[in-house]
Amino acid sequence: MSARKHPVKAGDEQLQLPFAFASKASRSNGAEPLAVRIPDAVRMTGIGRSKLYELIASGDLDAIKVGRCTLVPMESLRALLSNARVVPGRFIGG
């Protein structure tokens, strides 16, 4: 079996797909997002997905539900990380 070949239209060569970017949280105009989805918050902070949900459930991290989408405000992520206690000689997290 051979793969189907679709005819290329004139404007298709420059098609930019949304998943072609390195991070979904980045913006092409340089503006920082007000809130990010859980996978982006995991990538940005290095905190695991389950731990983020625990922090949301405990009230230590704010979350916004828009339909089925859970968003974490950037302000809340910054506050969480800036208020985190650093223990000398120990790893943070885990």
PDB file of N, CA and C in Angstrom:
ATOM      1  N   MET A   1       0.846  -1.186   0.000  1.00  0.00           N
ATOM      2  CA  MET A   1       0.000   0.000   0.000  1.00  0.00           C
ATOM      3  C   MET A   1       0.880   1.234   0.000  1.00  0.00           C
ATOM      4  N   SER A   2       0.501   2.178  -0.754  1.00  0.00           N
ATOM      5  CA  SER A   2       1.251   3.427  -0.772  1.00  0.00           C
ATOM      6  C   SER A   2       0.453   4.509  -0.056  1.00  0.00           C
ATOM      7  N   ALA A   3       1.177   5.456   0.475  1.00  0.00           N
ATOM      8  CA  ALA A   3       0.535   6.560   1.190  1.00  0.00           C
ATOM      9  C   ALA A   3      -0.160   7.472   0.199  1.00  0.00           C
ATOM     10  N   ARG A   4      -1.282   7.990   0.609  1.00  0.00           N
ATOM     11  CA  ARG A   4      -1.998   8.939  -0.237  1.00  0.00           C
ATOM     12  C   ARG A   4      -1.240  10.246  -0.305  1.00  0.00           C
ATOM     13  N   LYS A   5      -1.276  10.830  -1.449  1.00  0.00           N
ATOM     14  CA  LYS A   5      -0.665  12.147  -1.596  1.00  0.00           C
ATOM     15  C   LYS A   5      -1.771  13.149  -1.890  1.00  0.00           C
ATOM     16  N   HIS A   6      -1.845  14.152  -1.037  1.00  0.00           N
ATOM     17  CA  HIS A   6      -2.853  15.193  -1.218  1.00  0.00           C
ATOM     18  C   HIS A   6      -2.243  16.334  -2.009  1.00  0.00           C
ATOM     19  N   PRO A   7      -3.011  16.907  -2.911  1.00  0.00           N
ATOM     20  CA  PRO A   7      -2.470  18.049  -3.657  1.00  0.00           C
ATOM     21  C   PRO A   7      -2.191  19.223  -2.721  1.00  0.00           C
ATOM     22  N   VAL A   8      -1.081  19.887  -2.933  1.00  0.00           N
ATOM     23  CA  VAL A   8      -0.696  21.038  -2.119  1.00  0.00           C
ATOM     24  C   VAL A   8      -1.314  22.282  -2.720  1.00  0.00           C
ATOM     25  N   LYS A   9      -2.056  23.005  -1.899  1.00  0.00           N
ATOM     26  CA  LYS A   9      -2.672  24.249  -2.349  1.00  0.00           C
ATOM     27  C   LYS A   9      -1.650  25.370  -2.241  1.00  0.00           C
ATOM     28  N   ALA A  10      -1.924  26.464  -2.876  1.00  0.00           N
ATOM     29  CA  ALA A  10      -0.974  27.581  -2.948  1.00  0.00           C
ATOM     30  C   ALA A  10      -0.550  28.100  -1.579  1.00  0.00           C
ATOM     31  N   GLY A  11      -1.446  28.231  -0.613  1.00  0.00           N
ATOM     32  CA  GLY A  11      -1.113  28.814   0.686  1.00  0.00           C
ATOM     33  C   GLY A  11      -0.714  27.806   1.744  1.00  0.00           C
ATOM     34  N   ASP A  12      -0.727  26.503   1.446  1.00  0.00           N
ATOM     35  CA  ASP A  12      -0.477  25.475   2.449  1.00  0.00           C
ATOM     36  C   ASP A  12       0.972  25.365   2.900  1.00  0.00           C
ATOM     37  N   GLU A  13       1.914  25.849   2.150  1.00  0.00           N
ATOM     38  CA  GLU A  13       3.313  25.694   2.520  1.00  0.00           C
ATOM     39  C   GLU A  13       3.640  26.418   3.823  1.00  0.00           C
ATOM     40  N   GLN A  14       2.950  27.499   4.137  1.00  0.00           N
ATOM     41  CA  GLN A  14       3.267  28.309   5.298  1.00  0.00           C
ATOM     42  C   GLN A  14       2.294  28.077   6.445  1.00  0.00           C
ATOM     43  N   LEU A  15       1.614  26.961   6.442  1.00  0.00           N
ATOM     44  CA  LEU A  15       0.641  26.660   7.482  1.00  0.00           C
ATOM     45  C   LEU A  15       1.341  26.487   8.828  1.00  0.00           C
ATOM     46  N   GLN A  16       0.938  27.242   9.838  1.00  0.00           N
ATOM     47  CA  GLN A  16       1.502  27.154  11.177  1.00  0.00           C
ATOM     48  C   GLN A  16       0.487  26.460  12.079  1.00  0.00           C
ATOM     49  N   LEU A  17       0.812  25.263  12.530  1.00  0.00           N
ATOM     50  CA  LEU A  17      -0.077  24.525  13.401  1.00  0.00           C
ATOM     51  C   LEU A  17       0.146  24.945  14.851  1.00  0.00           C
ATOM     52  N   PRO A  18      -0.903  24.959  15.685  1.00  0.00           N
ATOM     53  CA  PRO A  18      -0.755  25.417  17.060  1.00  0.00           C
ATOM     54  C   PRO A  18       0.185  24.555  17.891  1.00  0.00           C
ATOM     55  N   PHE A  19       0.324  23.265  17.573  1.00  0.00           N
ATOM     56  CA  PHE A  19       1.195  22.406  18.362  1.00  0.00           C
ATOM     57  C   PHE A  19       2.626  22.407  17.864  1.00  0.00           C
ATOM     58  N   ALA A  20       2.954  23.280  16.936  1.00  0.00           N
ATOM     59  CA  ALA A  20       4.321  23.365  16.426  1.00  0.00           C
ATOM     60  C   ALA A  20       5.217  24.181  17.348  1.00  0.00           C
ATOM     61  N   PHE A  21       4.658  24.869  18.316  1.00  0.00           N
ATOM     62  CA  PHE A  21       5.443  25.694  19.224  1.00  0.00           C
ATOM     63  C   PHE A  21       6.010  24.853  20.354  1.00  0.00           C
ATOM     64  N   ALA A  22       7.129  25.275  20.938  1.00  0.00           N
ATOM     65  CA  ALA A  22       7.785  24.541  22.022  1.00  0.00           C
ATOM     66  C   ALA A  22       6.919  24.518  23.278  1.00  0.00           C
ATOM     67  N   SER A  23       6.291  25.623  23.618  1.00  0.00           N
ATOM     68  CA  SER A  23       5.452  25.694  24.808  1.00  0.00           C
ATOM     69  C   SER A  23       4.120  26.318  24.448  1.00  0.00           C
ATOM     70  N   LYS A  24       3.050  25.692  24.882  1.00  0.00           N
ATOM     71  CA  LYS A  24       1.737  26.241  24.603  1.00  0.00           C
ATOM     72  C   LYS A  24       1.492  27.534  25.365  1.00  0.00           C
ATOM     73  N   ALA A  25       2.263  27.755  26.440  1.00  0.00           N
ATOM     74  CA  ALA A  25       2.078  28.947  27.259  1.00  0.00           C
ATOM     75  C   ALA A  25       2.752  30.179  26.664  1.00  0.00           C
ATOM     76  N   SER A  26       3.624  29.989  25.691  1.00  0.00           N
ATOM     77  CA  SER A  26       4.314  31.152  25.129  1.00  0.00           C
ATOM     78  C   SER A  26       3.402  31.904  24.174  1.00  0.00           C
ATOM     79  N   ARG A  27       3.661  33.158  24.022  1.00  0.00           N
ATOM     80  CA  ARG A  27       2.877  33.998  23.130  1.00  0.00           C
ATOM     81  C   ARG A  27       3.798  34.607  22.091  1.00  0.00           C
ATOM     82  N   SER A  28       3.316  34.713  20.872  1.00  0.00           N
ATOM     83  CA  SER A  28       4.159  35.237  19.796  1.00  0.00           C
ATOM     84  C   SER A  28       4.428  36.728  19.961  1.00  0.00           C
ATOM     85  N   ASN A  29       3.563  37.437  20.679  1.00  0.00           N
ATOM     86  CA  ASN A  29       3.771  38.875  20.858  1.00  0.00           C
ATOM     87  C   ASN A  29       4.588  39.189  22.110  1.00  0.00           C
ATOM     88  N   GLY A  30       5.066  38.162  22.812  1.00  0.00           N
ATOM     89  CA  GLY A  30       5.897  38.377  23.982  1.00  0.00           C
ATOM     90  C   GLY A  30       5.116  38.593  25.273  1.00  0.00           C
ATOM     91  N   ALA A  31       3.802  38.698  25.196  1.00  0.00           N
ATOM     92  CA  ALA A  31       2.996  38.905  26.397  1.00  0.00           C
ATOM     93  C   ALA A  31       2.911  37.609  27.198  1.00  0.00           C
ATOM     94  N   GLU A  32       2.986  37.729  28.513  1.00  0.00           N
ATOM     95  CA  GLU A  32       2.884  36.569  29.381  1.00  0.00           C
ATOM     96  C   GLU A  32       1.417  36.231  29.606  1.00  0.00           C
ATOM     97  N   PRO A  33       1.072  34.948  29.619  1.00  0.00           N
ATOM     98  CA  PRO A  33      -0.329  34.580  29.859  1.00  0.00           C
ATOM     99  C   PRO A  33      -0.741  34.890  31.292  1.00  0.00           C
ATOM    100  N   LEU A  34      -2.004  35.163  31.511  1.00  0.00           N
ATOM    101  CA  LEU A  34      -2.532  35.419  32.848  1.00  0.00           C
ATOM    102  C   LEU A  34      -2.687  34.116  33.621  1.00  0.00           C
ATOM    103  N   ALA A  35      -2.964  33.037  32.897  1.00  0.00           N
ATOM    104  CA  ALA A  35      -3.134  31.721  33.514  1.00  0.00           C
ATOM    105  C   ALA A  35      -2.682  30.661  32.521  1.00  0.00           C
ATOM    106  N   VAL A  36      -2.304  29.509  33.049  1.00  0.00           N
ATOM    107  CA  VAL A  36      -1.849  28.411  32.192  1.00  0.00           C
ATOM    108  C   VAL A  36      -2.593  27.134  32.567  1.00  0.00           C
ATOM    109  N   ARG A  37      -2.637  26.188  31.639  1.00  0.00           N
ATOM    110  CA  ARG A  37      -3.238  24.892  31.902  1.00  0.00           C
ATOM    111  C   ARG A  37      -2.289  24.056  32.755  1.00  0.00           C
ATOM    112  N   ILE A  38      -2.808  22.997  33.314  1.00  0.00           N
ATOM    113  CA  ILE A  38      -2.034  22.138  34.214  1.00  0.00           C
ATOM    114  C   ILE A  38      -0.741  21.624  33.557  1.00  0.00           C
ATOM    115  N   PRO A  39      -0.771  21.090  32.330  1.00  0.00           N
ATOM    116  CA  PRO A  39       0.489  20.613  31.742  1.00  0.00           C
ATOM    117  C   PRO A  39       1.542  21.710  31.607  1.00  0.00           C
ATOM    118  N   ASP A  40       1.121  22.921  31.309  1.00  0.00           N
ATOM    119  CA  ASP A  40       2.065  24.041  31.212  1.00  0.00           C
ATOM    120  C   ASP A  40       2.602  24.415  32.588  1.00  0.00           C
ATOM    121  N   ALA A  41       1.753  24.377  33.611  1.00  0.00           N
ATOM    122  CA  ALA A  41       2.201  24.674  34.975  1.00  0.00           C
ATOM    123  C   ALA A  41       3.219  23.628  35.439  1.00  0.00           C
ATOM    124  N   VAL A  42       3.014  22.370  35.048  1.00  0.00           N
ATOM    125  CA  VAL A  42       3.955  21.300  35.385  1.00  0.00           C
ATOM    126  C   VAL A  42       5.307  21.577  34.740  1.00  0.00           C
ATOM    127  N   ARG A  43       5.299  21.927  33.451  1.00  0.00           N
ATOM    128  CA  ARG A  43       6.546  22.215  32.732  1.00  0.00           C
ATOM    129  C   ARG A  43       7.250  23.446  33.303  1.00  0.00           C
ATOM    130  N   MET A  44       6.495  24.464  33.642  1.00  0.00           N
ATOM    131  CA  MET A  44       7.086  25.720  34.087  1.00  0.00           C
ATOM    132  C   MET A  44       7.682  25.631  35.488  1.00  0.00           C
ATOM    133  N   THR A  45       7.069  24.840  36.362  1.00  0.00           N
ATOM    134  CA  THR A  45       7.510  24.790  37.753  1.00  0.00           C
ATOM    135  C   THR A  45       8.366  23.578  38.079  1.00  0.00           C
ATOM    136  N   GLY A  46       8.187  22.509  37.345  1.00  0.00           N
ATOM    137  CA  GLY A  46       8.881  21.267  37.674  1.00  0.00           C
ATOM    138  C   GLY A  46       8.153  20.461  38.733  1.00  0.00           C
ATOM    139  N   ILE A  47       7.008  20.948  39.187  1.00  0.00           N
ATOM    140  CA  ILE A  47       6.182  20.231  40.162  1.00  0.00           C
ATOM    141  C   ILE A  47       5.354  19.210  39.392  1.00  0.00           C
ATOM    142  N   GLY A  48       5.206  18.033  39.931  1.00  0.00           N
ATOM    143  CA  GLY A  48       4.446  16.982  39.271  1.00  0.00           C
ATOM    144  C   GLY A  48       2.962  17.292  39.176  1.00  0.00           C
ATOM    145  N   ARG A  49       2.315  16.645  38.228  1.00  0.00           N
ATOM    146  CA  ARG A  49       0.885  16.853  37.985  1.00  0.00           C
ATOM    147  C   ARG A  49       0.053  16.527  39.223  1.00  0.00           C
ATOM    148  N   SER A  50       0.326  15.377  39.832  1.00  0.00           N
ATOM    149  CA  SER A  50      -0.437  14.974  41.020  1.00  0.00           C
ATOM    150  C   SER A  50      -0.243  15.961  42.166  1.00  0.00           C
ATOM    151  N   LYS A  51       0.987  16.421  42.342  1.00  0.00           N
ATOM    152  CA  LYS A  51       1.281  17.384  43.411  1.00  0.00           C
ATOM    153  C   LYS A  51       0.557  18.702  43.155  1.00  0.00           C
ATOM    154  N   LEU A  52       0.488  19.143  41.900  1.00  0.00           N
ATOM    155  CA  LEU A  52      -0.257  20.372  41.586  1.00  0.00           C
ATOM    156  C   LEU A  52      -1.723  20.227  41.967  1.00  0.00           C
ATOM    157  N   TYR A  53      -2.308  19.077  41.647  1.00  0.00           N
ATOM    158  CA  TYR A  53      -3.711  18.856  42.011  1.00  0.00           C
ATOM    159  C   TYR A  53      -3.875  18.805  43.534  1.00  0.00           C
ATOM    160  N   GLU A  54      -2.902  18.248  44.259  1.00  0.00           N
ATOM    161  CA  GLU A  54      -2.953  18.253  45.724  1.00  0.00           C
ATOM    162  C   GLU A  54      -2.904  19.676  46.262  1.00  0.00           C
ATOM    163  N   LEU A  55      -2.029  20.511  45.687  1.00  0.00           N
ATOM    164  CA  LEU A  55      -1.924  21.905  46.121  1.00  0.00           C
ATOM    165  C   LEU A  55      -3.203  22.674  45.849  1.00  0.00           C
ATOM    166  N   ILE A  56      -3.864  22.366  44.747  1.00  0.00           N
ATOM    167  CA  ILE A  56      -5.147  23.004  44.420  1.00  0.00           C
ATOM    168  C   ILE A  56      -6.198  22.560  45.425  1.00  0.00           C
ATOM    169  N   ALA A  57      -6.252  21.258  45.713  1.00  0.00           N
ATOM    170  CA  ALA A  57      -7.250  20.727  46.654  1.00  0.00           C
ATOM    171  C   ALA A  57      -7.057  21.281  48.058  1.00  0.00           C
ATOM    172  N   SER A  58      -5.801  21.500  48.463  1.00  0.00           N
ATOM    173  CA  SER A  58      -5.534  22.016  49.810  1.00  0.00           C
ATOM    174  C   SER A  58      -5.725  23.529  49.910  1.00  0.00           C
ATOM    175  N   GLY A  59      -5.874  24.199  48.768  1.00  0.00           N
ATOM    176  CA  GLY A  59      -6.060  25.647  48.773  1.00  0.00           C
ATOM    177  C   GLY A  59      -4.757  26.425  48.713  1.00  0.00           C
ATOM    178  N   ASP A  60      -3.626  25.711  48.601  1.00  0.00           N
ATOM    179  CA  ASP A  60      -2.329  26.385  48.508  1.00  0.00           C
ATOM    180  C   ASP A  60      -2.068  26.970  47.131  1.00  0.00           C
ATOM    181  N   LEU A  61      -2.824  26.519  46.143  1.00  0.00           N
ATOM    182  CA  LEU A  61      -2.679  27.000  44.773  1.00  0.00           C
ATOM    183  C   LEU A  61      -4.066  27.274  44.219  1.00  0.00           C
ATOM    184  N   ASP A  62      -4.260  28.453  43.647  1.00  0.00           N
ATOM    185  CA  ASP A  62      -5.555  28.808  43.072  1.00  0.00           C
ATOM    186  C   ASP A  62      -5.729  28.139  41.722  1.00  0.00           C
ATOM    187  N   ALA A  63      -6.965  27.848  41.382  1.00  0.00           N
ATOM    188  CA  ALA A  63      -7.290  27.289  40.080  1.00  0.00           C
ATOM    189  C   ALA A  63      -8.631  27.847  39.626  1.00  0.00           C
ATOM    190  N   ILE A  64      -8.772  27.959  38.333  1.00  0.00           N
ATOM    191  CA  ILE A  64      -9.997  28.490  37.735  1.00  0.00           C
ATOM    192  C   ILE A  64     -10.512  27.437  36.770  1.00  0.00           C
ATOM    193  N   LYS A  65     -11.798  27.125  36.858  1.00  0.00           N
ATOM    194  CA  LYS A  65     -12.393  26.186  35.911  1.00  0.00           C
ATOM    195  C   LYS A  65     -13.149  26.981  34.863  1.00  0.00           C
ATOM    196  N   VAL A  66     -12.838  26.735  33.608  1.00  0.00           N
ATOM    197  CA  VAL A  66     -13.572  27.314  32.488  1.00  0.00           C
ATOM    198  C   VAL A  66     -14.050  26.130  31.661  1.00  0.00           C
ATOM    199  N   GLY A  67     -15.312  25.766  31.854  1.00  0.00           N
ATOM    200  CA  GLY A  67     -15.811  24.553  31.232  1.00  0.00           C
ATOM    201  C   GLY A  67     -15.071  23.365  31.815  1.00  0.00           C
ATOM    202  N   ARG A  68     -14.434  22.563  30.954  1.00  0.00           N
ATOM    203  CA  ARG A  68     -13.662  21.408  31.412  1.00  0.00           C
ATOM    204  C   ARG A  68     -12.185  21.739  31.609  1.00  0.00           C
ATOM    205  N   CYS A  69     -11.805  22.947  31.304  1.00  0.00           N
ATOM    206  CA  CYS A  69     -10.405  23.358  31.364  1.00  0.00           C
ATOM    207  C   CYS A  69     -10.068  23.925  32.743  1.00  0.00           C
ATOM    208  N   THR A  70      -8.972  23.434  33.326  1.00  0.00           N
ATOM    209  CA  THR A  70      -8.485  23.961  34.604  1.00  0.00           C
ATOM    210  C   THR A  70      -7.307  24.877  34.318  1.00  0.00           C
ATOM    211  N   LEU A  71      -7.406  26.114  34.770  1.00  0.00           N
ATOM    212  CA  LEU A  71      -6.342  27.095  34.583  1.00  0.00           C
ATOM    213  C   LEU A  71      -5.753  27.480  35.930  1.00  0.00           C
ATOM    214  N   VAL A  72      -4.439  27.653  35.947  1.00  0.00           N
ATOM    215  CA  VAL A  72      -3.750  28.095  37.157  1.00  0.00           C
ATOM    216  C   VAL A  72      -3.218  29.497  36.894  1.00  0.00           C
ATOM    217  N   PRO A  73      -3.648  30.493  37.674  1.00  0.00           N
ATOM    218  CA  PRO A  73      -3.152  31.853  37.473  1.00  0.00           C
ATOM    219  C   PRO A  73      -1.643  31.944  37.703  1.00  0.00           C
ATOM    220  N   MET A  74      -0.948  32.669  36.841  1.00  0.00           N
ATOM    221  CA  MET A  74       0.501  32.846  36.977  1.00  0.00           C
ATOM    222  C   MET A  74       0.837  33.480  38.322  1.00  0.00           C
ATOM    223  N   GLU A  75       0.001  34.404  38.772  1.00  0.00           N
ATOM    224  CA  GLU A  75       0.209  35.075  40.056  1.00  0.00           C
ATOM    225  C   GLU A  75       0.223  34.058  41.201  1.00  0.00           C
ATOM    226  N   SER A  76      -0.657  33.063  41.132  1.00  0.00           N
ATOM    227  CA  SER A  76      -0.724  32.037  42.151  1.00  0.00           C
ATOM    228  C   SER A  76       0.522  31.137  42.117  1.00  0.00           C
ATOM    229  N   LEU A  77       1.009  30.816  40.916  1.00  0.00           N
ATOM    230  CA  LEU A  77       2.235  30.024  40.798  1.00  0.00           C
ATOM    231  C   LEU A  77       3.428  30.766  41.393  1.00  0.00           C
ATOM    232  N   ARG A  78       3.522  32.059  41.086  1.00  0.00           N
ATOM    233  CA  ARG A  78       4.625  32.867  41.625  1.00  0.00           C
ATOM    234  C   ARG A  78       4.563  32.926  43.151  1.00  0.00           C
ATOM    235  N   ALA A  79       3.359  33.135  43.692  1.00  0.00           N
ATOM    236  CA  ALA A  79       3.195  33.218  45.142  1.00  0.00           C
ATOM    237  C   ALA A  79       3.569  31.893  45.799  1.00  0.00           C
ATOM    238  N   LEU A  80       3.173  30.789  45.206  1.00  0.00           N
ATOM    239  CA  LEU A  80       3.501  29.479  45.758  1.00  0.00           C
ATOM    240  C   LEU A  80       5.012  29.281  45.819  1.00  0.00           C
ATOM    241  N   LEU A  81       5.695  29.596  44.730  1.00  0.00           N
ATOM    242  CA  LEU A  81       7.137  29.386  44.672  1.00  0.00           C
ATOM    243  C   LEU A  81       7.909  30.383  45.537  1.00  0.00           C
ATOM    244  N   SER A  82       7.429  31.607  45.634  1.00  0.00           N
ATOM    245  CA  SER A  82       8.138  32.596  46.449  1.00  0.00           C
ATOM    246  C   SER A  82       7.935  32.346  47.941  1.00  0.00           C
ATOM    247  N   ASN A  83       6.823  31.720  48.331  1.00  0.00           N
ATOM    248  CA  ASN A  83       6.551  31.423  49.728  1.00  0.00           C
ATOM    249  C   ASN A  83       7.073  30.062  50.164  1.00  0.00           C
ATOM    250  N   ALA A  84       7.623  29.302  49.217  1.00  0.00           N
ATOM    251  CA  ALA A  84       8.126  27.966  49.546  1.00  0.00           C
ATOM    252  C   ALA A  84       9.348  28.093  50.451  1.00  0.00           C
ATOM    253  N   ARG A  85       9.409  27.237  51.424  1.00  0.00           N
ATOM    254  CA  ARG A  85      10.518  27.239  52.380  1.00  0.00           C
ATOM    255  C   ARG A  85      11.655  26.397  51.816  1.00  0.00           C
ATOM    256  N   VAL A  86      12.837  26.944  51.807  1.00  0.00           N
ATOM    257  CA  VAL A  86      14.018  26.232  51.339  1.00  0.00           C
ATOM    258  C   VAL A  86      14.729  25.634  52.548  1.00  0.00           C
ATOM    259  N   VAL A  87      14.929  24.329  52.506  1.00  0.00           N
ATOM    260  CA  VAL A  87      15.613  23.635  53.594  1.00  0.00           C
ATOM    261  C   VAL A  87      17.059  23.395  53.150  1.00  0.00           C
ATOM    262  N   PRO A  88      18.033  23.967  53.863  1.00  0.00           N
ATOM    263  CA  PRO A  88      19.436  23.788  53.461  1.00  0.00           C
ATOM    264  C   PRO A  88      19.837  22.320  53.434  1.00  0.00           C
ATOM    265  N   GLY A  89      20.516  21.939  52.359  1.00  0.00           N
ATOM    266  CA  GLY A  89      21.023  20.569  52.242  1.00  0.00           C
ATOM    267  C   GLY A  89      19.994  19.540  51.856  1.00  0.00           C
ATOM    268  N   ARG A  90      18.782  19.961  51.533  1.00  0.00           N
ATOM    269  CA  ARG A  90      17.731  19.014  51.141  1.00  0.00           C
ATOM    270  C   ARG A  90      17.150  19.419  49.813  1.00  0.00           C
ATOM    271  N   PHE A  91      16.644  18.436  49.096  1.00  0.00           N
ATOM    272  CA  PHE A  91      15.976  18.688  47.835  1.00  0.00           C
ATOM    273  C   PHE A  91      14.586  19.231  48.108  1.00  0.00           C
ATOM    274  N   ILE A  92      14.128  20.122  47.251  1.00  0.00           N
ATOM    275  CA  ILE A  92      12.774  20.670  47.386  1.00  0.00           C
ATOM    276  C   ILE A  92      11.838  19.729  46.640  1.00  0.00           C
ATOM    277  N   GLY A  93      10.692  19.449  47.223  1.00  0.00           N
ATOM    278  CA  GLY A  93       9.690  18.612  46.575  1.00  0.00           C
ATOM    279  C   GLY A  93       9.843  17.158  46.970  1.00  0.00           C
ATOM    280  N   GLY A  94       9.221  16.297  46.121  1.00  0.00           N
ATOM    281  CA  GLY A  94       9.340  14.865  46.251  1.00  0.00           C
ATOM    282  C   GLY A  94       9.137  14.368  47.578  1.00  0.00           C
TER     283      GLY A  94
END
